[in-house]
Amino acid sequence: MTVGTLRHRLTVEAPAEIADGAGGVARTFAAVGEIWGLIQPMGGTETRAEERLVQRLTHAIVIRPFAGLSAAHRLRKGARIFDIRAIREDTPSRLYATCHCEEIAP
């Protein structure tokens, strides 16, 4: 990869649970870091959910490895949210990793 290939600034978000005041918890996400990545669109589908059309777009996002990153995390670029489905190390030297993600667009 050449300099400038990882051109998208992404925020890494980890799941967090906070008390909802009624004895339960609400799941939220909190920012834990920022990384540079390359967002590559892969495909998509359109389905009907809750009386409306929902687009599910898939992406491969190439990043440098981020310590502790797992499928429980998600990536954010502005208002766009990418749920991580799987992470694959790309090279034997482990310089890059590819996150297979799903973006749900309204």
PDB file of N, CA and C in Angstrom:
ATOM      1  N   MET A   1       0.837  -1.177   0.000  1.00  0.00           N
ATOM      2  CA  MET A   1       0.000   0.000   0.000  1.00  0.00           C
ATOM      3  C   MET A   1       0.882   1.240   0.000  1.00  0.00           C
ATOM      4  N   THR A   2       0.425   2.266  -0.679  1.00  0.00           N
ATOM      5  CA  THR A   2       1.201   3.494  -0.758  1.00  0.00           C
ATOM      6  C   THR A   2       0.707   4.518   0.266  1.00  0.00           C
ATOM      7  N   VAL A   3       1.524   5.529   0.477  1.00  0.00           N
ATOM      8  CA  VAL A   3       1.148   6.604   1.398  1.00  0.00           C
ATOM      9  C   VAL A   3      -0.128   7.267   0.881  1.00  0.00           C
ATOM     10  N   GLY A   4      -1.053   7.534   1.743  1.00  0.00           N
ATOM     11  CA  GLY A   4      -2.305   8.183   1.357  1.00  0.00           C
ATOM     12  C   GLY A   4      -3.420   7.221   1.025  1.00  0.00           C
ATOM     13  N   THR A   5      -3.125   5.921   0.987  1.00  0.00           N
ATOM     14  CA  THR A   5      -4.177   4.950   0.684  1.00  0.00           C
ATOM     15  C   THR A   5      -5.205   4.907   1.808  1.00  0.00           C
ATOM     16  N   LEU A   6      -4.743   4.920   3.048  1.00  0.00           N
ATOM     17  CA  LEU A   6      -5.660   4.931   4.194  1.00  0.00           C
ATOM     18  C   LEU A   6      -6.065   6.385   4.432  1.00  0.00           C
ATOM     19  N   ARG A   7      -7.091   6.833   3.718  1.00  0.00           N
ATOM     20  CA  ARG A   7      -7.433   8.252   3.689  1.00  0.00           C
ATOM     21  C   ARG A   7      -8.710   8.629   4.445  1.00  0.00           C
ATOM     22  N   HIS A   8      -9.390   7.655   5.041  1.00  0.00           N
ATOM     23  CA  HIS A   8     -10.615   7.951   5.774  1.00  0.00           C
ATOM     24  C   HIS A   8     -10.329   7.926   7.275  1.00  0.00           C
ATOM     25  N   ARG A   9     -10.651   9.011   7.965  1.00  0.00           N
ATOM     26  CA  ARG A   9     -10.463   9.097   9.419  1.00  0.00           C
ATOM     27  C   ARG A   9     -11.674   8.453  10.081  1.00  0.00           C
ATOM     28  N   LEU A  10     -11.432   7.413  10.885  1.00  0.00           N
ATOM     29  CA  LEU A  10     -12.506   6.645  11.516  1.00  0.00           C
ATOM     30  C   LEU A  10     -12.374   6.686  13.033  1.00  0.00           C
ATOM     31  N   THR A  11     -13.495   6.703  13.708  1.00  0.00           N
ATOM     32  CA  THR A  11     -13.525   6.621  15.165  1.00  0.00           C
ATOM     33  C   THR A  11     -13.870   5.192  15.551  1.00  0.00           C
ATOM     34  N   VAL A  12     -13.083   4.614  16.443  1.00  0.00           N
ATOM     35  CA  VAL A  12     -13.360   3.276  16.961  1.00  0.00           C
ATOM     36  C   VAL A  12     -14.236   3.436  18.193  1.00  0.00           C
ATOM     37  N   GLU A  13     -15.359   2.729  18.223  1.00  0.00           N
ATOM     38  CA  GLU A  13     -16.286   2.807  19.356  1.00  0.00           C
ATOM     39  C   GLU A  13     -16.451   1.431  19.982  1.00  0.00           C
ATOM     40  N   ALA A  14     -16.411   1.390  21.317  1.00  0.00           N
ATOM     41  CA  ALA A  14     -16.573   0.155  22.075  1.00  0.00           C
ATOM     42  C   ALA A  14     -17.933   0.164  22.763  1.00  0.00           C
ATOM     43  N   PRO A  15     -18.538  -1.018  22.920  1.00  0.00           N
ATOM     44  CA  PRO A  15     -19.826  -1.073  23.612  1.00  0.00           C
ATOM     45  C   PRO A  15     -19.669  -0.739  25.087  1.00  0.00           C
ATOM     46  N   ALA A  16     -20.669  -0.079  25.629  1.00  0.00           N
ATOM     47  CA  ALA A  16     -20.694   0.262  27.056  1.00  0.00           C
ATOM     48  C   ALA A  16     -22.126   0.139  27.544  1.00  0.00           C
ATOM     49  N   GLU A  17     -22.278  -0.298  28.773  1.00  0.00           N
ATOM     50  CA  GLU A  17     -23.618  -0.419  29.352  1.00  0.00           C
ATOM     51  C   GLU A  17     -23.739   0.576  30.496  1.00  0.00           C
ATOM     52  N   ILE A  18     -24.847   1.334  30.484  1.00  0.00           N
ATOM     53  CA  ILE A  18     -25.092   2.302  31.551  1.00  0.00           C
ATOM     54  C   ILE A  18     -26.436   1.982  32.192  1.00  0.00           C
ATOM     55  N   ALA A  19     -26.544   2.266  33.468  1.00  0.00           N
ATOM     56  CA  ALA A  19     -27.791   2.010  34.197  1.00  0.00           C
ATOM     57  C   ALA A  19     -28.902   2.892  33.643  1.00  0.00           C
ATOM     58  N   ASP A  20     -30.087   2.297  33.477  1.00  0.00           N
ATOM     59  CA  ASP A  20     -31.206   3.070  32.942  1.00  0.00           C
ATOM     60  C   ASP A  20     -32.107   3.646  34.030  1.00  0.00           C
ATOM     61  N   GLY A  21     -31.765   3.411  35.294  1.00  0.00           N
ATOM     62  CA  GLY A  21     -32.530   3.972  36.404  1.00  0.00           C
ATOM     63  C   GLY A  21     -33.711   3.119  36.824  1.00  0.00           C
ATOM     64  N   ALA A  22     -33.994   2.044  36.088  1.00  0.00           N
ATOM     65  CA  ALA A  22     -35.110   1.171  36.423  1.00  0.00           C
ATOM     66  C   ALA A  22     -34.627  -0.242  36.731  1.00  0.00           C
ATOM     67  N   GLY A  23     -33.344  -0.364  37.057  1.00  0.00           N
ATOM     68  CA  GLY A  23     -32.788  -1.668  37.395  1.00  0.00           C
ATOM     69  C   GLY A  23     -32.178  -2.395  36.210  1.00  0.00           C
ATOM     70  N   GLY A  24     -32.293  -1.842  35.035  1.00  0.00           N
ATOM     71  CA  GLY A  24     -31.725  -2.463  33.840  1.00  0.00           C
ATOM     72  C   GLY A  24     -30.553  -1.664  33.314  1.00  0.00           C
ATOM     73  N   VAL A  25     -30.134  -2.020  32.140  1.00  0.00           N
ATOM     74  CA  VAL A  25     -29.030  -1.294  31.514  1.00  0.00           C
ATOM     75  C   VAL A  25     -29.384  -0.942  30.076  1.00  0.00           C
ATOM     76  N   ALA A  26     -28.787   0.118  29.598  1.00  0.00           N
ATOM     77  CA  ALA A  26     -28.940   0.537  28.205  1.00  0.00           C
ATOM     78  C   ALA A  26     -27.583   0.401  27.543  1.00  0.00           C
ATOM     79  N   ARG A  27     -27.564  -0.174  26.341  1.00  0.00           N
ATOM     80  CA  ARG A  27     -26.298  -0.353  25.631  1.00  0.00           C
ATOM     81  C   ARG A  27     -26.022   0.860  24.762  1.00  0.00           C
ATOM     82  N   THR A  28     -24.839   1.411  24.935  1.00  0.00           N
ATOM     83  CA  THR A  28     -24.398   2.551  24.132  1.00  0.00           C
ATOM     84  C   THR A  28     -22.994   2.247  23.619  1.00  0.00           C
ATOM     85  N   PHE A  29     -22.444   3.165  22.882  1.00  0.00           N
ATOM     86  CA  PHE A  29     -21.072   3.024  22.387  1.00  0.00           C
ATOM     87  C   PHE A  29     -20.294   4.269  22.772  1.00  0.00           C
ATOM     88  N   ALA A  30     -19.038   4.062  23.144  1.00  0.00           N
ATOM     89  CA  ALA A  30     -18.159   5.167  23.531  1.00  0.00           C
ATOM     90  C   ALA A  30     -16.902   5.125  22.671  1.00  0.00           C
ATOM     91  N   ALA A  31     -16.439   6.302  22.253  1.00  0.00           N
ATOM     92  CA  ALA A  31     -15.231   6.391  21.434  1.00  0.00           C
ATOM     93  C   ALA A  31     -14.016   5.969  22.252  1.00  0.00           C
ATOM     94  N   VAL A  32     -13.168   5.111  21.651  1.00  0.00           N
ATOM     95  CA  VAL A  32     -11.959   4.657  22.341  1.00  0.00           C
ATOM     96  C   VAL A  32     -10.691   4.976  21.551  1.00  0.00           C
ATOM     97  N   GLY A  33     -10.839   5.553  20.374  1.00  0.00           N
ATOM     98  CA  GLY A  33      -9.663   5.906  19.588  1.00  0.00           C
ATOM     99  C   GLY A  33     -10.028   6.298  18.169  1.00  0.00           C
ATOM    100  N   GLU A  34      -9.028   6.777  17.451  1.00  0.00           N
ATOM    101  CA  GLU A  34      -9.222   7.133  16.045  1.00  0.00           C
ATOM    102  C   GLU A  34      -8.135   6.464  15.221  1.00  0.00           C
ATOM    103  N   ILE A  35      -8.499   6.036  14.013  1.00  0.00           N
ATOM    104  CA  ILE A  35      -7.563   5.379  13.107  1.00  0.00           C
ATOM    105  C   ILE A  35      -7.828   5.852  11.683  1.00  0.00           C
ATOM    106  N   TRP A  36      -6.861   5.609  10.814  1.00  0.00           N
ATOM    107  CA  TRP A  36      -7.030   5.872   9.393  1.00  0.00           C
ATOM    108  C   TRP A  36      -7.354   4.556   8.715  1.00  0.00           C
ATOM    109  N   GLY A  37      -8.248   4.600   7.733  1.00  0.00           N
ATOM    110  CA  GLY A  37      -8.631   3.390   7.031  1.00  0.00           C
ATOM    111  C   GLY A  37      -9.029   3.675   5.595  1.00  0.00           C
ATOM    112  N   LEU A  38      -9.231   2.618   4.841  1.00  0.00           N
ATOM    113  CA  LEU A  38      -9.700   2.694   3.462  1.00  0.00           C
ATOM    114  C   LEU A  38     -11.025   1.963   3.386  1.00  0.00           C
ATOM    115  N   ILE A  39     -12.100   2.684   3.070  1.00  0.00           N
ATOM    116  CA  ILE A  39     -13.430   2.095   2.971  1.00  0.00           C
ATOM    117  C   ILE A  39     -13.654   1.645   1.536  1.00  0.00           C
ATOM    118  N   GLN A  40     -13.874   0.339   1.350  1.00  0.00           N
ATOM    119  CA  GLN A  40     -14.116  -0.228   0.029  1.00  0.00           C
ATOM    120  C   GLN A  40     -15.522  -0.837   0.001  1.00  0.00           C
ATOM    121  N   PRO A  41     -16.461  -0.254  -0.753  1.00  0.00           N
ATOM    122  CA  PRO A  41     -17.801  -0.827  -0.852  1.00  0.00           C
ATOM    123  C   PRO A  41     -17.752  -2.215  -1.487  1.00  0.00           C
ATOM    124  N   MET A  42     -18.541  -3.145  -0.961  1.00  0.00           N
ATOM    125  CA  MET A  42     -18.558  -4.513  -1.476  1.00  0.00           C
ATOM    126  C   MET A  42     -19.895  -4.864  -2.136  1.00  0.00           C
ATOM    127  N   GLY A  43     -20.997  -4.465  -1.536  1.00  0.00           N
ATOM    128  CA  GLY A  43     -22.310  -4.809  -2.080  1.00  0.00           C
ATOM    129  C   GLY A  43     -23.397  -4.325  -1.160  1.00  0.00           C
ATOM    130  N   GLY A  44     -24.610  -4.734  -1.458  1.00  0.00           N
ATOM    131  CA  GLY A  44     -25.711  -4.310  -0.604  1.00  0.00           C
ATOM    132  C   GLY A  44     -27.012  -4.982  -0.968  1.00  0.00           C
ATOM    133  N   THR A  45     -27.962  -4.872  -0.056  1.00  0.00           N
ATOM    134  CA  THR A  45     -29.306  -5.390  -0.272  1.00  0.00           C
ATOM    135  C   THR A  45     -30.306  -4.368   0.237  1.00  0.00           C
ATOM    136  N   GLU A  46     -31.524  -4.538  -0.184  1.00  0.00           N
ATOM    137  CA  GLU A  46     -32.606  -3.665   0.276  1.00  0.00           C
ATOM    138  C   GLU A  46     -33.715  -4.569   0.772  1.00  0.00           C
ATOM    139  N   THR A  47     -34.131  -4.386   2.020  1.00  0.00           N
ATOM    140  CA  THR A  47     -35.180  -5.209   2.609  1.00  0.00           C
ATOM    141  C   THR A  47     -36.232  -4.329   3.260  1.00  0.00           C
ATOM    142  N   ARG A  48     -37.364  -4.937   3.546  1.00  0.00           N
ATOM    143  CA  ARG A  48     -38.431  -4.233   4.232  1.00  0.00           C
ATOM    144  C   ARG A  48     -38.372  -4.600   5.708  1.00  0.00           C
ATOM    145  N   ALA A  49     -38.284  -3.592   6.556  1.00  0.00           N
ATOM    146  CA  ALA A  49     -38.259  -3.800   7.998  1.00  0.00           C
ATOM    147  C   ALA A  49     -39.081  -2.704   8.657  1.00  0.00           C
ATOM    148  N   GLU A  50     -39.984  -3.116   9.527  1.00  0.00           N
ATOM    149  CA  GLU A  50     -40.824  -2.167  10.261  1.00  0.00           C
ATOM    150  C   GLU A  50     -41.529  -1.191   9.327  1.00  0.00           C
ATOM    151  N   GLU A  51     -42.139  -1.728   8.296  1.00  0.00           N
ATOM    152  CA  GLU A  51     -42.962  -0.942   7.359  1.00  0.00           C
ATOM    153  C   GLU A  51     -42.171   0.066   6.526  1.00  0.00           C
ATOM    154  N   ARG A  52     -40.860  -0.133   6.360  1.00  0.00           N
ATOM    155  CA  ARG A  52     -40.082   0.767   5.507  1.00  0.00           C
ATOM    156  C   ARG A  52     -38.936  -0.005   4.871  1.00  0.00           C
ATOM    157  N   LEU A  53     -38.363   0.560   3.822  1.00  0.00           N
ATOM    158  CA  LEU A  53     -37.225  -0.060   3.158  1.00  0.00           C
ATOM    159  C   LEU A  53     -35.939   0.282   3.904  1.00  0.00           C
ATOM    160  N   VAL A  54     -35.095  -0.721   4.090  1.00  0.00           N
ATOM    161  CA  VAL A  54     -33.822  -0.543   4.765  1.00  0.00           C
ATOM    162  C   VAL A  54     -32.722  -1.070   3.850  1.00  0.00           C
ATOM    163  N   GLN A  55     -31.686  -0.266   3.641  1.00  0.00           N
ATOM    164  CA  GLN A  55     -30.541  -0.690   2.848  1.00  0.00           C
ATOM    165  C   GLN A  55     -29.460  -1.217   3.781  1.00  0.00           C
ATOM    166  N   ARG A  56     -28.936  -2.383   3.448  1.00  0.00           N
ATOM    167  CA  ARG A  56     -27.814  -2.963   4.186  1.00  0.00           C
ATOM    168  C   ARG A  56     -26.637  -3.009   3.225  1.00  0.00           C
ATOM    169  N   LEU A  57     -25.653  -2.185   3.496  1.00  0.00           N
ATOM    170  CA  LEU A  57     -24.479  -2.082   2.635  1.00  0.00           C
ATOM    171  C   LEU A  57     -23.299  -2.772   3.300  1.00  0.00           C
ATOM    172  N   THR A  58     -22.515  -3.510   2.531  1.00  0.00           N
ATOM    173  CA  THR A  58     -21.344  -4.167   3.087  1.00  0.00           C
ATOM    174  C   THR A  58     -20.088  -3.478   2.569  1.00  0.00           C
ATOM    175  N   HIS A  59     -19.086  -3.426   3.449  1.00  0.00           N
ATOM    176  CA  HIS A  59     -17.829  -2.759   3.136  1.00  0.00           C
ATOM    177  C   HIS A  59     -16.672  -3.585   3.676  1.00  0.00           C
ATOM    178  N   ALA A  60     -15.530  -3.473   3.018  1.00  0.00           N
ATOM    179  CA  ALA A  60     -14.274  -3.974   3.556  1.00  0.00           C
ATOM    180  C   ALA A  60     -13.477  -2.720   3.927  1.00  0.00           C
ATOM    181  N   ILE A  61     -13.098  -2.613   5.182  1.00  0.00           N
ATOM    182  CA  ILE A  61     -12.358  -1.444   5.649  1.00  0.00           C
ATOM    183  C   ILE A  61     -10.964  -1.893   6.069  1.00  0.00           C
ATOM    184  N   VAL A  62      -9.964  -1.426   5.338  1.00  0.00           N
ATOM    185  CA  VAL A  62      -8.569  -1.780   5.610  1.00  0.00           C
ATOM    186  C   VAL A  62      -8.002  -0.774   6.607  1.00  0.00           C
ATOM    187  N   ILE A  63      -7.398  -1.291   7.673  1.00  0.00           N
ATOM    188  CA  ILE A  63      -6.817  -0.449   8.721  1.00  0.00           C
ATOM    189  C   ILE A  63      -5.479  -1.034   9.147  1.00  0.00           C
ATOM    190  N   ARG A  64      -4.731  -0.276   9.909  1.00  0.00           N
ATOM    191  CA  ARG A  64      -3.595  -0.850  10.622  1.00  0.00           C
ATOM    192  C   ARG A  64      -4.181  -1.480  11.885  1.00  0.00           C
ATOM    193  N   PRO A  65      -3.596  -2.566  12.373  1.00  0.00           N
ATOM    194  CA  PRO A  65      -4.165  -3.227  13.553  1.00  0.00           C
ATOM    195  C   PRO A  65      -4.358  -2.267  14.731  1.00  0.00           C
ATOM    196  N   PHE A  66      -5.465  -2.430  15.423  1.00  0.00           N
ATOM    197  CA  PHE A  66      -5.827  -1.615  16.584  1.00  0.00           C
ATOM    198  C   PHE A  66      -5.954  -2.575  17.757  1.00  0.00           C
ATOM    199  N   ALA A  67      -5.167  -2.381  18.801  1.00  0.00           N
ATOM    200  CA  ALA A  67      -5.124  -3.297  19.948  1.00  0.00           C
ATOM    201  C   ALA A  67      -6.510  -3.505  20.552  1.00  0.00           C
ATOM    202  N   GLY A  68      -6.901  -4.752  20.688  1.00  0.00           N
ATOM    203  CA  GLY A  68      -8.162  -5.097  21.336  1.00  0.00           C
ATOM    204  C   GLY A  68      -9.392  -4.999  20.461  1.00  0.00           C
ATOM    205  N   LEU A  69      -9.239  -4.646  19.196  1.00  0.00           N
ATOM    206  CA  LEU A  69     -10.401  -4.509  18.303  1.00  0.00           C
ATOM    207  C   LEU A  69     -11.050  -5.867  18.076  1.00  0.00           C
ATOM    208  N   SER A  70     -12.374  -5.917  18.207  1.00  0.00           N
ATOM    209  CA  SER A  70     -13.120  -7.161  18.005  1.00  0.00           C
ATOM    210  C   SER A  70     -14.426  -6.856  17.289  1.00  0.00           C
ATOM    211  N   ALA A  71     -15.188  -7.893  17.003  1.00  0.00           N
ATOM    212  CA  ALA A  71     -16.475  -7.726  16.325  1.00  0.00           C
ATOM    213  C   ALA A  71     -17.508  -7.031  17.217  1.00  0.00           C
ATOM    214  N   ALA A  72     -17.208  -6.867  18.498  1.00  0.00           N
ATOM    215  CA  ALA A  72     -18.121  -6.136  19.392  1.00  0.00           C
ATOM    216  C   ALA A  72     -18.012  -4.628  19.169  1.00  0.00           C
ATOM    217  N   HIS A  73     -16.904  -4.177  18.597  1.00  0.00           N
ATOM    218  CA  HIS A  73     -16.696  -2.755  18.336  1.00  0.00           C
ATOM    219  C   HIS A  73     -17.409  -2.337  17.056  1.00  0.00           C
ATOM    220  N   ARG A  74     -17.404  -1.046  16.817  1.00  0.00           N
ATOM    221  CA  ARG A  74     -17.896  -0.534  15.546  1.00  0.00           C
ATOM    222  C   ARG A  74     -17.036   0.658  15.143  1.00  0.00           C
ATOM    223  N   LEU A  75     -17.117   1.007  13.859  1.00  0.00           N
ATOM    224  CA  LEU A  75     -16.368   2.142  13.331  1.00  0.00           C
ATOM    225  C   LEU A  75     -17.353   3.214  12.908  1.00  0.00           C
ATOM    226  N   ARG A  76     -16.947   4.470  13.053  1.00  0.00           N
ATOM    227  CA  ARG A  76     -17.822   5.592  12.696  1.00  0.00           C
ATOM    228  C   ARG A  76     -17.043   6.577  11.841  1.00  0.00           C
ATOM    229  N   LYS A  77     -17.698   7.063  10.794  1.00  0.00           N
ATOM    230  CA  LYS A  77     -17.149   8.147   9.977  1.00  0.00           C
ATOM    231  C   LYS A  77     -18.253   9.182   9.861  1.00  0.00           C
ATOM    232  N   GLY A  78     -18.181  10.209  10.692  1.00  0.00           N
ATOM    233  CA  GLY A  78     -19.248  11.205  10.739  1.00  0.00           C
ATOM    234  C   GLY A  78     -20.532  10.557  11.229  1.00  0.00           C
ATOM    235  N   ALA A  79     -21.601  10.651  10.434  1.00  0.00           N
ATOM    236  CA  ALA A  79     -22.884  10.052  10.800  1.00  0.00           C
ATOM    237  C   ALA A  79     -22.992   8.588  10.362  1.00  0.00           C
ATOM    238  N   ARG A  80     -22.030   8.123   9.581  1.00  0.00           N
ATOM    239  CA  ARG A  80     -22.052   6.738   9.088  1.00  0.00           C
ATOM    240  C   ARG A  80     -21.494   5.792  10.146  1.00  0.00           C
ATOM    241  N   ILE A  81     -22.213   4.686  10.394  1.00  0.00           N
ATOM    242  CA  ILE A  81     -21.810   3.700  11.385  1.00  0.00           C
ATOM    243  C   ILE A  81     -21.593   2.368  10.681  1.00  0.00           C
ATOM    244  N   PHE A  82     -20.444   1.753  10.971  1.00  0.00           N
ATOM    245  CA  PHE A  82     -20.081   0.474  10.370  1.00  0.00           C
ATOM    246  C   PHE A  82     -19.971  -0.579  11.479  1.00  0.00           C
ATOM    247  N   ASP A  83     -20.905  -1.529  11.505  1.00  0.00           N
ATOM    248  CA  ASP A  83     -20.852  -2.630  12.465  1.00  0.00           C
ATOM    249  C   ASP A  83     -19.851  -3.662  11.958  1.00  0.00           C
ATOM    250  N   ILE A  84     -18.883  -4.017  12.792  1.00  0.00           N
ATOM    251  CA  ILE A  84     -17.868  -4.990  12.394  1.00  0.00           C
ATOM    252  C   ILE A  84     -18.448  -6.391  12.509  1.00  0.00           C
ATOM    253  N   ARG A  85     -18.370  -7.162  11.432  1.00  0.00           N
ATOM    254  CA  ARG A  85     -18.845  -8.547  11.413  1.00  0.00           C
ATOM    255  C   ARG A  85     -17.700  -9.544  11.545  1.00  0.00           C
ATOM    256  N   ALA A  86     -16.528  -9.197  10.997  1.00  0.00           N
ATOM    257  CA  ALA A  86     -15.352 -10.068  11.080  1.00  0.00           C
ATOM    258  C   ALA A  86     -14.100  -9.240  10.837  1.00  0.00           C
ATOM    259  N   ILE A  87     -12.973  -9.711  11.362  1.00  0.00           N
ATOM    260  CA  ILE A  87     -11.688  -9.036  11.165  1.00  0.00           C
ATOM    261  C   ILE A  87     -10.696 -10.071  10.642  1.00  0.00           C
ATOM    262  N   ARG A  88      -9.991  -9.706   9.575  1.00  0.00           N
ATOM    263  CA  ARG A  88      -9.014 -10.609   8.966  1.00  0.00           C
ATOM    264  C   ARG A  88      -7.665  -9.904   8.878  1.00  0.00           C
ATOM    265  N   GLU A  89      -6.599 -10.561   9.348  1.00  0.00           N
ATOM    266  CA  GLU A  89      -5.251 -10.026   9.181  1.00  0.00           C
ATOM    267  C   GLU A  89      -4.824 -10.311   7.754  1.00  0.00           C
ATOM    268  N   ASP A  90      -4.323  -9.286   7.055  1.00  0.00           N
ATOM    269  CA  ASP A  90      -4.059  -9.410   5.629  1.00  0.00           C
ATOM    270  C   ASP A  90      -2.705  -9.973   5.249  1.00  0.00           C
ATOM    271  N   THR A  91      -1.707  -9.753   6.016  1.00  0.00           N
ATOM    272  CA  THR A  91      -0.366 -10.155   5.602  1.00  0.00           C
ATOM    273  C   THR A  91       0.303 -10.960   6.697  1.00  0.00           C
ATOM    274  N   PRO A  92       1.293 -11.763   6.330  1.00  0.00           N
ATOM    275  CA  PRO A  92       2.022 -12.494   7.368  1.00  0.00           C
ATOM    276  C   PRO A  92       2.704 -11.554   8.370  1.00  0.00           C
ATOM    277  N   SER A  93       3.092 -10.367   7.913  1.00  0.00           N
ATOM    278  CA  SER A  93       3.748  -9.426   8.823  1.00  0.00           C
ATOM    279  C   SER A  93       2.745  -8.659   9.675  1.00  0.00           C
ATOM    280  N   ARG A  94       1.453  -8.825   9.399  1.00  0.00           N
ATOM    281  CA  ARG A  94       0.365  -8.208  10.169  1.00  0.00           C
ATOM    282  C   ARG A  94       0.414  -6.687  10.183  1.00  0.00           C
ATOM    283  N   LEU A  95       0.778  -6.100   9.044  1.00  0.00           N
ATOM    284  CA  LEU A  95       0.803  -4.641   8.946  1.00  0.00           C
ATOM    285  C   LEU A  95      -0.590  -4.061   8.771  1.00  0.00           C
ATOM    286  N   TYR A  96      -1.494  -4.831   8.189  1.00  0.00           N
ATOM    287  CA  TYR A  96      -2.850  -4.362   7.923  1.00  0.00           C
ATOM    288  C   TYR A  96      -3.862  -5.412   8.353  1.00  0.00           C
ATOM    289  N   ALA A  97      -5.065  -4.963   8.606  1.00  0.00           N
ATOM    290  CA  ALA A  97      -6.187  -5.837   8.892  1.00  0.00           C
ATOM    291  C   ALA A  97      -7.376  -5.336   8.093  1.00  0.00           C
ATOM    292  N   THR A  98      -8.246  -6.255   7.711  1.00  0.00           N
ATOM    293  CA  THR A  98      -9.466  -5.888   6.991  1.00  0.00           C
ATOM    294  C   THR A  98     -10.666  -6.183   7.870  1.00  0.00           C
ATOM    295  N   CYS A  99     -11.482  -5.176   8.106  1.00  0.00           N
ATOM    296  CA  CYS A  99     -12.725  -5.337   8.859  1.00  0.00           C
ATOM    297  C   CYS A  99     -13.859  -5.491   7.854  1.00  0.00           C
ATOM    298  N   HIS A 100     -14.573  -6.597   7.933  1.00  0.00           N
ATOM    299  CA  HIS A 100     -15.748  -6.777   7.091  1.00  0.00           C
ATOM    300  C   HIS A 100     -16.923  -6.200   7.868  1.00  0.00           C
ATOM    301  N   CYS A 101     -17.520  -5.152   7.327  1.00  0.00           N
ATOM    302  CA  CYS A 101     -18.518  -4.378   8.072  1.00  0.00           C
ATOM    303  C   CYS A 101     -19.840  -4.297   7.331  1.00  0.00           C
ATOM    304  N   GLU A 102     -20.873  -3.974   8.085  1.00  0.00           N
ATOM    305  CA  GLU A 102     -22.198  -3.733   7.532  1.00  0.00           C
ATOM    306  C   GLU A 102     -22.651  -2.345   7.970  1.00  0.00           C
ATOM    307  N   GLU A 103     -23.096  -1.565   6.995  1.00  0.00           N
ATOM    308  CA  GLU A 103     -23.632  -0.235   7.263  1.00  0.00           C
ATOM    309  C   GLU A 103     -25.125  -0.287   6.981  1.00  0.00           C
ATOM    310  N   ILE A 104     -25.907   0.133   7.929  1.00  0.00           N
ATOM    311  CA  ILE A 104     -27.358   0.150   7.727  1.00  0.00           C
ATOM    312  C   ILE A 104     -27.771   1.591   7.450  1.00  0.00           C
ATOM    313  N   ALA A 105     -28.257   1.807   6.240  1.00  0.00           N
ATOM    314  CA  ALA A 105     -28.658   3.149   5.825  1.00  0.00           C
ATOM    315  C   ALA A 105     -30.177   3.257   5.872  1.00  0.00           C
ATOM    316  N   PRO A 106     -30.689   4.358   6.407  1.00  0.00           N
ATOM    317  CA  PRO A 106     -32.151   4.514   6.482  1.00  0.00           C
ATOM    318  C   PRO A 106     -32.765   4.763   5.111  1.00  0.00           C
TER     319      PRO A 106
END
